Amino acid sequence: TGVASYLSEERDAAVPVDPEGAMIVACDPLDGSSNIGVNVSVGTIFSLLPASGGELQSGRSQLAAGFFVYGPQTTLLLTVGNGTASFRMDDDGGFRLLEELVTIPQTAREFAINASNRRHWPAPITRYVDGCLAGADGPRGKDFNMRWVASLVAETWRIISRGGVFLYPSDARKGYESGRLRLVYEAAPVAMLVEQAGGRATDGAADILDIVPQTLHQRVPLVFGAVEEVAAVADEYAAG
């Protein structure tokens, strides 16, 4: 099969497949599942890793990453380390190339965060969001719109297409102290796609792709999008 083992967000441990396989497949089989009942886009996130590196590798080791979005259209965002490409599924079930080298716009004025958790946020996130909400009269000197879909694949597709920044920080709630998204199955694949599209992905300060997971289900904060906006968040973290 070529696949040595299968890692899933829905399984506690790796599933052995072929001892001679050259790759490990990591997958979030149904991202955004809470949205199914309200007909909002959901998807499947995947990552390919070299089997020789074992199950706990940094995102820099990924051979490929991508995700499918199941919505009004079935679409695919894919990178093999040489740029990020977008595809749409046609009526015959095949995928048609939409854009060979997708580039994140660097000038968009949108940010995505669940503002209902504001009281739990760390100070750097609160300051960054307050700066955005202050608009043209605030420190950023421009107006922003806020988005939140609660589907990582939908948020990522929008940001890669239109620019802006996504924030899912750690916060003070029990179980959220280290963030909520899984490094192996969600953050690392998205980070590879974003970097290959000219953006940046961090945990607020450090690049996601440089983090070596300590467990298969390790959680991390995630901030990604246009370089300028991710840098603005990092500046707030540096300020303490």
C-alpha atoms as a PDB file:
ATOM      1  CA  THR A   1       0.000   0.000   0.000  1.00  0.00           C
ATOM      2  CA  GLY A   2       2.929   2.348   0.595  1.00  0.00           C
ATOM      3  CA  VAL A   3       1.349   3.336   3.947  1.00  0.00           C
ATOM      4  CA  ALA A   4       3.148   2.132   7.068  1.00  0.00           C
ATOM      5  CA  SER A   5       0.557   3.383   9.553  1.00  0.00           C
ATOM      6  CA  TYR A   6      -2.545   5.523   9.865  1.00  0.00           C
ATOM      7  CA  LEU A   7      -2.957   8.208  12.527  1.00  0.00           C
ATOM      8  CA  SER A   8      -6.424   9.615  13.171  1.00  0.00           C
ATOM      9  CA  GLU A   9      -7.795  12.284  15.448  1.00  0.00           C
ATOM     10  CA  GLU A  10     -10.571   9.786  16.184  1.00  0.00           C
ATOM     11  CA  ARG A  11      -8.253   6.974  17.353  1.00  0.00           C
ATOM     12  CA  ASP A  12      -6.158   6.778  20.495  1.00  0.00           C
ATOM     13  CA  ALA A  13      -3.175   5.068  18.857  1.00  0.00           C
ATOM     14  CA  ALA A  14      -1.618   4.497  15.449  1.00  0.00           C
ATOM     15  CA  VAL A  15      -3.141   1.823  13.209  1.00  0.00           C
ATOM     16  CA  PRO A  16      -0.420  -0.372  11.602  1.00  0.00           C
ATOM     17  CA  VAL A  17      -0.982  -0.943   7.880  1.00  0.00           C
ATOM     18  CA  ASP A  18       2.128  -2.156   6.013  1.00  0.00           C
ATOM     19  CA  PRO A  19       5.482  -2.754   7.758  1.00  0.00           C
ATOM     20  CA  GLU A  20       7.222  -2.047   4.434  1.00  0.00           C
ATOM     21  CA  GLY A  21       5.317   1.182   3.804  1.00  0.00           C
ATOM     22  CA  ALA A  22       7.243   4.384   3.199  1.00  0.00           C
ATOM     23  CA  MET A  23       4.688   6.879   4.515  1.00  0.00           C
ATOM     24  CA  ILE A  24       2.567   7.659   7.550  1.00  0.00           C
ATOM     25  CA  VAL A  25      -0.889   9.137   6.944  1.00  0.00           C
ATOM     26  CA  ALA A  26      -2.268  11.509   9.591  1.00  0.00           C
ATOM     27  CA  CYS A  27      -5.900  12.546   9.257  1.00  0.00           C
ATOM     28  CA  ASP A  28      -8.729  14.495  10.802  1.00  0.00           C
ATOM     29  CA  PRO A  29     -11.521  12.601   9.035  1.00  0.00           C
ATOM     30  CA  LEU A  30     -14.334  15.072   9.716  1.00  0.00           C
ATOM     31  CA  ASP A  31     -13.321  18.591  10.648  1.00  0.00           C
ATOM     32  CA  GLY A  32     -16.139  20.911  11.690  1.00  0.00           C
ATOM     33  CA  SER A  33     -18.515  18.050  12.479  1.00  0.00           C
ATOM     34  CA  SER A  34     -20.636  20.256  14.774  1.00  0.00           C
ATOM     35  CA  ASN A  35     -21.711  22.153  11.642  1.00  0.00           C
ATOM     36  CA  ILE A  36     -23.294  19.198   9.824  1.00  0.00           C
ATOM     37  CA  GLY A  37     -26.726  19.809  11.287  1.00  0.00           C
ATOM     38  CA  VAL A  38     -26.776  23.423  10.079  1.00  0.00           C
ATOM     39  CA  ASN A  39     -25.392  22.739   6.580  1.00  0.00           C
ATOM     40  CA  VAL A  40     -22.093  24.604   7.047  1.00  0.00           C
ATOM     41  CA  SER A  41     -18.992  23.354   5.229  1.00  0.00           C
ATOM     42  CA  VAL A  42     -17.040  20.510   6.840  1.00  0.00           C
ATOM     43  CA  GLY A  43     -13.980  18.679   5.562  1.00  0.00           C
ATOM     44  CA  THR A  44     -11.144  16.179   5.844  1.00  0.00           C
ATOM     45  CA  ILE A  45      -7.583  17.256   6.710  1.00  0.00           C
ATOM     46  CA  PHE A  46      -4.621  15.015   5.891  1.00  0.00           C
ATOM     47  CA  SER A  47      -0.844  14.906   6.105  1.00  0.00           C
ATOM     48  CA  LEU A  48       1.819  12.553   4.727  1.00  0.00           C
ATOM     49  CA  LEU A  49       4.996  11.934   6.718  1.00  0.00           C
ATOM     50  CA  PRO A  50       8.042   9.732   6.033  1.00  0.00           C
ATOM     51  CA  ALA A  51       7.737   6.453   7.930  1.00  0.00           C
ATOM     52  CA  SER A  52      11.454   6.529   8.670  1.00  0.00           C
ATOM     53  CA  GLY A  53      10.938   9.478  11.021  1.00  0.00           C
ATOM     54  CA  GLY A  54       8.465   7.736  13.301  1.00  0.00           C
ATOM     55  CA  GLU A  55       5.079   8.991  14.387  1.00  0.00           C
ATOM     56  CA  LEU A  56       6.193  12.108  16.285  1.00  0.00           C
ATOM     57  CA  GLN A  57       7.772  14.444  13.721  1.00  0.00           C
ATOM     58  CA  SER A  58       7.709  18.197  13.304  1.00  0.00           C
ATOM     59  CA  GLY A  59       5.597  19.648  10.530  1.00  0.00           C
ATOM     60  CA  ARG A  60       8.765  20.460   8.600  1.00  0.00           C
ATOM     61  CA  SER A  61       9.031  16.732   7.856  1.00  0.00           C
ATOM     62  CA  GLN A  62       5.684  16.566   6.062  1.00  0.00           C
ATOM     63  CA  LEU A  63       5.884  15.284   2.498  1.00  0.00           C
ATOM     64  CA  ALA A  64       2.453  16.634   1.615  1.00  0.00           C
ATOM     65  CA  ALA A  65      -0.587  18.160   3.285  1.00  0.00           C
ATOM     66  CA  GLY A  66      -4.065  19.131   2.246  1.00  0.00           C
ATOM     67  CA  PHE A  67      -7.751  19.132   2.955  1.00  0.00           C
ATOM     68  CA  PHE A  68     -11.080  18.585   1.249  1.00  0.00           C
ATOM     69  CA  VAL A  69     -14.010  20.936   1.845  1.00  0.00           C
ATOM     70  CA  TYR A  70     -17.508  19.491   1.509  1.00  0.00           C
ATOM     71  CA  GLY A  71     -19.820  22.424   0.872  1.00  0.00           C
ATOM     72  CA  PRO A  72     -21.595  24.085  -2.077  1.00  0.00           C
ATOM     73  CA  GLN A  73     -18.612  22.760  -4.028  1.00  0.00           C
ATOM     74  CA  THR A  74     -16.278  19.904  -3.127  1.00  0.00           C
ATOM     75  CA  THR A  75     -12.824  21.434  -3.206  1.00  0.00           C
ATOM     76  CA  LEU A  76      -9.264  20.384  -2.425  1.00  0.00           C
ATOM     77  CA  LEU A  77      -6.297  22.423  -1.234  1.00  0.00           C
ATOM     78  CA  LEU A  78      -2.991  20.568  -1.625  1.00  0.00           C
ATOM     79  CA  THR A  79       0.735  21.091  -1.226  1.00  0.00           C
ATOM     80  CA  VAL A  80       3.653  18.744  -1.837  1.00  0.00           C
ATOM     81  CA  GLY A  81       6.166  21.354  -0.702  1.00  0.00           C
ATOM     82  CA  ASN A  82       6.346  23.363  -3.909  1.00  0.00           C
ATOM     83  CA  GLY A  83       3.509  25.849  -3.497  1.00  0.00           C
ATOM     84  CA  THR A  84      -0.167  25.340  -2.676  1.00  0.00           C
ATOM     85  CA  ALA A  85      -2.704  24.419  -5.371  1.00  0.00           C
ATOM     86  CA  SER A  86      -6.508  24.481  -5.347  1.00  0.00           C
ATOM     87  CA  PHE A  87      -8.883  22.072  -7.090  1.00  0.00           C
ATOM     88  CA  ARG A  88     -12.645  21.615  -7.568  1.00  0.00           C
ATOM     89  CA  MET A  89     -14.416  18.295  -8.041  1.00  0.00           C
ATOM     90  CA  ASP A  90     -16.271  18.056 -11.359  1.00  0.00           C
ATOM     91  CA  ASP A  91     -19.464  16.128 -12.099  1.00  0.00           C
ATOM     92  CA  ASP A  92     -17.419  13.123 -13.232  1.00  0.00           C
ATOM     93  CA  GLY A  93     -15.764  12.832  -9.815  1.00  0.00           C
ATOM     94  CA  GLY A  94     -12.372  14.081 -10.994  1.00  0.00           C
ATOM     95  CA  PHE A  95     -10.633  17.165  -9.630  1.00  0.00           C
ATOM     96  CA  ARG A  96     -10.002  20.142 -11.905  1.00  0.00           C
ATOM     97  CA  LEU A  97      -7.112  22.508 -11.152  1.00  0.00           C
ATOM     98  CA  LEU A  98      -8.356  25.957 -10.155  1.00  0.00           C
ATOM     99  CA  GLU A  99      -5.092  27.680  -9.298  1.00  0.00           C
ATOM    100  CA  GLU A 100      -1.628  26.147  -9.488  1.00  0.00           C
ATOM    101  CA  LEU A 101       0.077  28.554  -7.097  1.00  0.00           C
ATOM    102  CA  VAL A 102      -2.314  30.053  -4.577  1.00  0.00           C
ATOM    103  CA  THR A 103      -1.006  33.164  -2.799  1.00  0.00           C
ATOM    104  CA  ILE A 104      -2.537  34.596   0.361  1.00  0.00           C
ATOM    105  CA  PRO A 105      -3.434  38.288  -0.137  1.00  0.00           C
ATOM    106  CA  GLN A 106      -1.422  40.359   2.309  1.00  0.00           C
ATOM    107  CA  THR A 107      -3.745  43.370   2.535  1.00  0.00           C
ATOM    108  CA  ALA A 108      -7.111  41.919   3.616  1.00  0.00           C
ATOM    109  CA  ARG A 109      -8.843  43.348   6.682  1.00  0.00           C
ATOM    110  CA  GLU A 110     -10.490  40.317   8.250  1.00  0.00           C
ATOM    111  CA  PHE A 111      -9.799  38.368  11.415  1.00  0.00           C
ATOM    112  CA  ALA A 112     -11.422  35.145  12.605  1.00  0.00           C
ATOM    113  CA  ILE A 113     -11.830  34.332  16.289  1.00  0.00           C
ATOM    114  CA  ASN A 114     -14.565  33.132  18.642  1.00  0.00           C
ATOM    115  CA  ALA A 115     -15.177  36.400  20.475  1.00  0.00           C
ATOM    116  CA  SER A 116     -17.474  34.734  23.033  1.00  0.00           C
ATOM    117  CA  ASN A 117     -14.315  33.485  24.771  1.00  0.00           C
ATOM    118  CA  ARG A 118     -12.841  36.962  25.198  1.00  0.00           C
ATOM    119  CA  ARG A 119     -12.935  36.855  29.013  1.00  0.00           C
ATOM    120  CA  HIS A 120     -10.668  33.788  28.945  1.00  0.00           C
ATOM    121  CA  TRP A 121      -8.075  35.054  26.434  1.00  0.00           C
ATOM    122  CA  PRO A 122      -4.444  35.808  27.265  1.00  0.00           C
ATOM    123  CA  ALA A 123      -3.589  39.513  27.284  1.00  0.00           C
ATOM    124  CA  PRO A 124      -1.725  39.529  23.927  1.00  0.00           C
ATOM    125  CA  ILE A 125      -4.790  38.200  22.084  1.00  0.00           C
ATOM    126  CA  THR A 126      -7.085  40.691  23.814  1.00  0.00           C
ATOM    127  CA  ARG A 127      -4.805  43.577  22.836  1.00  0.00           C
ATOM    128  CA  TYR A 128      -4.553  42.415  19.235  1.00  0.00           C
ATOM    129  CA  VAL A 129      -8.323  42.015  18.835  1.00  0.00           C
ATOM    130  CA  ASP A 130      -8.999  45.338  20.575  1.00  0.00           C
ATOM    131  CA  GLY A 131      -6.662  46.994  18.081  1.00  0.00           C
ATOM    132  CA  CYS A 132      -8.594  45.472  15.191  1.00  0.00           C
ATOM    133  CA  LEU A 133     -11.967  46.464  16.655  1.00  0.00           C
ATOM    134  CA  ALA A 134     -10.784  50.052  17.147  1.00  0.00           C
ATOM    135  CA  GLY A 135     -10.615  50.282  13.370  1.00  0.00           C
ATOM    136  CA  ALA A 136      -9.268  53.309  11.537  1.00  0.00           C
ATOM    137  CA  ASP A 137      -9.224  55.338  14.759  1.00  0.00           C
ATOM    138  CA  GLY A 138      -7.123  52.762  16.612  1.00  0.00           C
ATOM    139  CA  PRO A 139      -3.459  51.700  16.567  1.00  0.00           C
ATOM    140  CA  ARG A 140      -3.870  49.649  13.372  1.00  0.00           C
ATOM    141  CA  GLY A 141      -5.189  52.620  11.411  1.00  0.00           C
ATOM    142  CA  LYS A 142      -7.670  50.574   9.376  1.00  0.00           C
ATOM    143  CA  ASP A 143     -11.077  48.955   9.730  1.00  0.00           C
ATOM    144  CA  PHE A 144     -11.507  45.184  10.129  1.00  0.00           C
ATOM    145  CA  ASN A 145     -14.361  42.722   9.725  1.00  0.00           C
ATOM    146  CA  MET A 146     -14.657  39.706  12.032  1.00  0.00           C
ATOM    147  CA  ARG A 147     -15.500  36.190  10.815  1.00  0.00           C
ATOM    148  CA  TRP A 148     -16.097  32.892  12.618  1.00  0.00           C
ATOM    149  CA  VAL A 149     -17.399  29.684  11.012  1.00  0.00           C
ATOM    150  CA  ALA A 150     -16.203  27.083  13.561  1.00  0.00           C
ATOM    151  CA  SER A 151     -14.875  24.934  10.710  1.00  0.00           C
ATOM    152  CA  LEU A 152     -11.095  24.975  10.315  1.00  0.00           C
ATOM    153  CA  VAL A 153     -11.195  23.926   6.656  1.00  0.00           C
ATOM    154  CA  ALA A 154     -13.715  26.642   5.782  1.00  0.00           C
ATOM    155  CA  GLU A 155     -11.759  29.280   7.704  1.00  0.00           C
ATOM    156  CA  THR A 156      -8.502  28.236   6.040  1.00  0.00           C
ATOM    157  CA  TRP A 157      -9.972  28.243   2.534  1.00  0.00           C
ATOM    158  CA  ARG A 158     -11.324  31.757   3.062  1.00  0.00           C
ATOM    159  CA  ILE A 159      -8.088  33.138   4.478  1.00  0.00           C
ATOM    160  CA  ILE A 160      -5.947  31.575   1.757  1.00  0.00           C
ATOM    161  CA  SER A 161      -8.359  32.995  -0.837  1.00  0.00           C
ATOM    162  CA  ARG A 162      -9.019  36.422   0.707  1.00  0.00           C
ATOM    163  CA  GLY A 163      -6.326  37.048   3.297  1.00  0.00           C
ATOM    164  CA  GLY A 164      -6.662  37.991   6.945  1.00  0.00           C
ATOM    165  CA  VAL A 165      -5.805  36.040  10.076  1.00  0.00           C
ATOM    166  CA  PHE A 166      -7.254  33.122  12.079  1.00  0.00           C
ATOM    167  CA  LEU A 167      -6.796  32.912  15.837  1.00  0.00           C
ATOM    168  CA  TYR A 168      -7.550  29.975  18.126  1.00  0.00           C
ATOM    169  CA  PRO A 169      -5.449  30.813  21.190  1.00  0.00           C
ATOM    170  CA  SER A 170      -4.902  29.011  24.439  1.00  0.00           C
ATOM    171  CA  ASP A 171      -7.062  30.423  27.216  1.00  0.00           C
ATOM    172  CA  ALA A 172      -7.855  30.148  30.910  1.00  0.00           C
ATOM    173  CA  ARG A 173     -10.554  27.463  30.662  1.00  0.00           C
ATOM    174  CA  LYS A 174      -9.836  23.933  31.840  1.00  0.00           C
ATOM    175  CA  GLY A 175      -8.701  21.878  28.856  1.00  0.00           C
ATOM    176  CA  TYR A 176      -7.772  24.940  26.804  1.00  0.00           C
ATOM    177  CA  GLU A 177      -4.532  25.881  28.567  1.00  0.00           C
ATOM    178  CA  SER A 178      -2.445  24.554  25.664  1.00  0.00           C
ATOM    179  CA  GLY A 179      -4.884  25.467  22.922  1.00  0.00           C
ATOM    180  CA  ARG A 180      -7.528  23.211  21.465  1.00  0.00           C
ATOM    181  CA  LEU A 181      -6.518  22.196  17.939  1.00  0.00           C
ATOM    182  CA  ARG A 182      -4.448  19.046  17.429  1.00  0.00           C
ATOM    183  CA  LEU A 183      -0.902  19.658  16.214  1.00  0.00           C
ATOM    184  CA  VAL A 184      -0.511  16.466  14.162  1.00  0.00           C
ATOM    185  CA  TYR A 185      -3.955  16.319  12.555  1.00  0.00           C
ATOM    186  CA  GLU A 186      -4.944  19.975  12.172  1.00  0.00           C
ATOM    187  CA  ALA A 187      -2.344  22.642  12.933  1.00  0.00           C
ATOM    188  CA  ALA A 188       0.670  21.143  11.125  1.00  0.00           C
ATOM    189  CA  PRO A 189      -1.116  20.341   7.827  1.00  0.00           C
ATOM    190  CA  VAL A 190      -2.784  23.767   7.767  1.00  0.00           C
ATOM    191  CA  ALA A 191       0.529  25.446   8.599  1.00  0.00           C
ATOM    192  CA  MET A 192       2.250  23.754   5.663  1.00  0.00           C
ATOM    193  CA  LEU A 193      -0.510  24.843   3.282  1.00  0.00           C
ATOM    194  CA  VAL A 194      -0.378  28.397   4.617  1.00  0.00           C
ATOM    195  CA  GLU A 195       3.411  28.732   4.449  1.00  0.00           C
ATOM    196  CA  GLN A 196       3.470  27.315   0.929  1.00  0.00           C
ATOM    197  CA  ALA A 197       0.887  29.961  -0.020  1.00  0.00           C
ATOM    198  CA  GLY A 198       3.090  32.784   1.265  1.00  0.00           C
ATOM    199  CA  GLY A 199       1.600  33.112   4.744  1.00  0.00           C
ATOM    200  CA  ARG A 200       2.734  32.208   8.239  1.00  0.00           C
ATOM    201  CA  ALA A 201       1.395  29.956  11.003  1.00  0.00           C
ATOM    202  CA  THR A 202       2.436  30.157  14.664  1.00  0.00           C
ATOM    203  CA  ASP A 203       1.296  29.289  18.174  1.00  0.00           C
ATOM    204  CA  GLY A 204       1.321  33.032  18.774  1.00  0.00           C
ATOM    205  CA  ALA A 205       5.105  33.294  18.684  1.00  0.00           C
ATOM    206  CA  ALA A 206       6.857  30.128  17.428  1.00  0.00           C
ATOM    207  CA  ASP A 207       6.287  28.656  13.973  1.00  0.00           C
ATOM    208  CA  ILE A 208       3.905  25.687  14.098  1.00  0.00           C
ATOM    209  CA  LEU A 209       6.039  23.673  11.671  1.00  0.00           C
ATOM    210  CA  ASP A 210       9.000  23.803  14.069  1.00  0.00           C
ATOM    211  CA  ILE A 211       7.101  22.212  16.972  1.00  0.00           C
ATOM    212  CA  VAL A 212       7.908  18.534  17.565  1.00  0.00           C
ATOM    213  CA  PRO A 213       4.851  16.784  19.053  1.00  0.00           C
ATOM    214  CA  GLN A 214       5.342  14.947  22.325  1.00  0.00           C
ATOM    215  CA  THR A 215       2.143  12.923  21.906  1.00  0.00           C
ATOM    216  CA  LEU A 216      -0.090  12.042  18.949  1.00  0.00           C
ATOM    217  CA  HIS A 217      -2.945  14.154  20.298  1.00  0.00           C
ATOM    218  CA  GLN A 218      -0.971  17.167  21.519  1.00  0.00           C
ATOM    219  CA  ARG A 219      -2.928  20.415  21.322  1.00  0.00           C
ATOM    220  CA  VAL A 220      -1.536  23.815  20.369  1.00  0.00           C
ATOM    221  CA  PRO A 221      -2.708  27.407  20.002  1.00  0.00           C
ATOM    222  CA  LEU A 222      -2.948  28.373  16.327  1.00  0.00           C
ATOM    223  CA  VAL A 223      -2.572  31.741  14.592  1.00  0.00           C
ATOM    224  CA  PHE A 224      -2.229  31.798  10.814  1.00  0.00           C
ATOM    225  CA  GLY A 225      -2.774  33.949   7.766  1.00  0.00           C
ATOM    226  CA  ALA A 226      -1.176  36.962   6.114  1.00  0.00           C
ATOM    227  CA  VAL A 227       2.400  37.524   7.293  1.00  0.00           C
ATOM    228  CA  GLU A 228       1.759  41.091   8.468  1.00  0.00           C
ATOM    229  CA  GLU A 229      -1.172  40.116  10.667  1.00  0.00           C
ATOM    230  CA  VAL A 230       0.532  37.067  12.176  1.00  0.00           C
ATOM    231  CA  ALA A 231       3.542  39.282  12.913  1.00  0.00           C
ATOM    232  CA  ALA A 232       1.263  41.793  14.658  1.00  0.00           C
ATOM    233  CA  VAL A 233       0.023  39.005  16.947  1.00  0.00           C
ATOM    234  CA  ALA A 234       3.604  37.880  17.613  1.00  0.00           C
ATOM    235  CA  ASP A 235       4.503  41.472  18.548  1.00  0.00           C
ATOM    236  CA  GLU A 236       1.770  41.443  21.191  1.00  0.00           C
ATOM    237  CA  TYR A 237       3.120  38.188  22.646  1.00  0.00           C
ATOM    238  CA  ALA A 238       6.636  39.644  22.675  1.00  0.00           C
ATOM    239  CA  ALA A 239       5.313  42.641  24.612  1.00  0.00           C
ATOM    240  CA  GLY A 240       4.100  40.273  27.366  1.00  0.00           C
END
